[in-house]
Amino acid sequence: MFGNKTIVISVEGMMCEHCAAHVKEALEKLEGVSAAKVDLVNKKVAIKTKTDLSDKVLEQAISGAGYKYKGKIA
């Protein structure tokens, strides 16, 4: 789809599938996000989005779910 991009972020504190589901749900509620795929082993999340998401927006979503946002991965 035109305009879609992938942002990969690092998230600290996810320990199980339940944690991963919380993070996925929090990120998929953000405007412009069409999907979030959690890599629990490597503590990363790939986000499909039509918009550029700021670190502040991502950090608020992650911390609101109870986890620590560690930043975007290049």
Protein backbone atom coordinates (compact mmCIF):
# COMPACT_ATOMS: atom_id res chain seq x y z
CA MET A 1 0.00 0.00 0.00
CA PHE A 2 1.29 3.46 -0.84
CA GLY A 3 2.77 5.43 2.04
CA ASN A 4 3.31 2.50 4.37
CA LYS A 5 6.59 2.33 6.23
CA THR A 6 8.03 0.11 8.90
CA ILE A 7 9.48 1.44 12.14
CA VAL A 8 11.37 -0.97 14.40
CA ILE A 9 11.63 -0.09 18.07
CA SER A 10 13.24 -1.62 21.14
CA VAL A 11 11.06 -2.28 24.21
CA GLU A 12 12.31 -3.34 27.63
CA GLY A 13 10.30 -5.34 30.14
CA MET A 14 8.40 -7.80 27.93
CA MET A 15 8.71 -11.25 29.45
CA CYS A 16 5.89 -13.34 27.97
CA GLU A 17 3.20 -13.51 25.28
CA HIS A 18 0.83 -11.61 27.55
CA CYS A 19 3.34 -8.72 27.71
CA ALA A 20 3.77 -8.84 23.94
CA ALA A 21 0.00 -8.66 23.46
CA HIS A 22 -0.20 -5.55 25.69
CA VAL A 23 2.50 -3.77 23.69
CA LYS A 24 0.95 -4.80 20.36
CA GLU A 25 -2.48 -3.56 21.42
CA ALA A 26 -1.12 -0.22 22.71
CA LEU A 27 0.76 0.47 19.48
CA GLU A 28 -2.09 -0.57 17.19
CA LYS A 29 -4.32 2.03 18.88
CA LEU A 30 -2.07 4.83 17.58
CA GLU A 31 -3.37 6.83 14.64
CA GLY A 32 -1.88 5.65 11.35
CA VAL A 33 -0.65 2.28 12.67
CA SER A 34 -2.00 -0.65 10.68
CA ALA A 35 -0.09 -3.44 12.44
CA ALA A 36 2.50 -4.15 15.12
CA LYS A 37 4.53 -7.37 15.23
CA VAL A 38 6.36 -8.18 18.46
CA ASP A 39 9.64 -10.11 18.52
CA LEU A 40 9.62 -11.18 22.16
CA VAL A 41 13.02 -12.91 22.06
CA ASN A 42 14.86 -9.83 20.77
CA LYS A 43 12.62 -7.30 22.59
CA LYS A 44 11.74 -5.52 19.34
CA VAL A 45 8.51 -4.40 17.70
CA ALA A 46 8.02 -3.73 13.98
CA ILE A 47 5.27 -1.20 13.36
CA LYS A 48 3.54 -0.69 9.99
CA THR A 49 2.41 2.91 9.71
CA LYS A 50 1.30 5.51 7.19
CA THR A 51 2.66 8.37 9.31
CA ASP A 52 5.91 9.25 11.00
CA LEU A 53 5.60 8.50 14.70
CA SER A 54 7.65 10.62 17.09
CA ASP A 55 9.67 9.14 19.92
CA LYS A 56 7.35 10.94 22.35
CA VAL A 57 4.22 9.29 20.92
CA LEU A 58 5.83 5.85 20.91
CA GLU A 59 7.20 6.30 24.44
CA GLN A 60 3.77 7.35 25.76
CA ALA A 61 2.09 4.31 24.21
CA ILE A 62 4.73 1.88 25.51
CA SER A 63 4.97 3.38 29.01
CA GLY A 64 1.16 3.52 29.18
CA ALA A 65 1.16 -0.25 28.63
CA GLY A 66 3.68 -0.65 31.47
CA TYR A 67 6.93 -1.12 29.55
CA LYS A 68 10.03 0.92 28.73
CA TYR A 69 10.57 2.43 25.29
CA LYS A 70 14.26 2.15 24.37
CA GLY A 71 14.15 3.95 21.02
CA LYS A 72 13.95 3.40 17.30
CA ILE A 73 16.32 0.93 15.66
CA ALA A 74 17.91 2.03 12.39
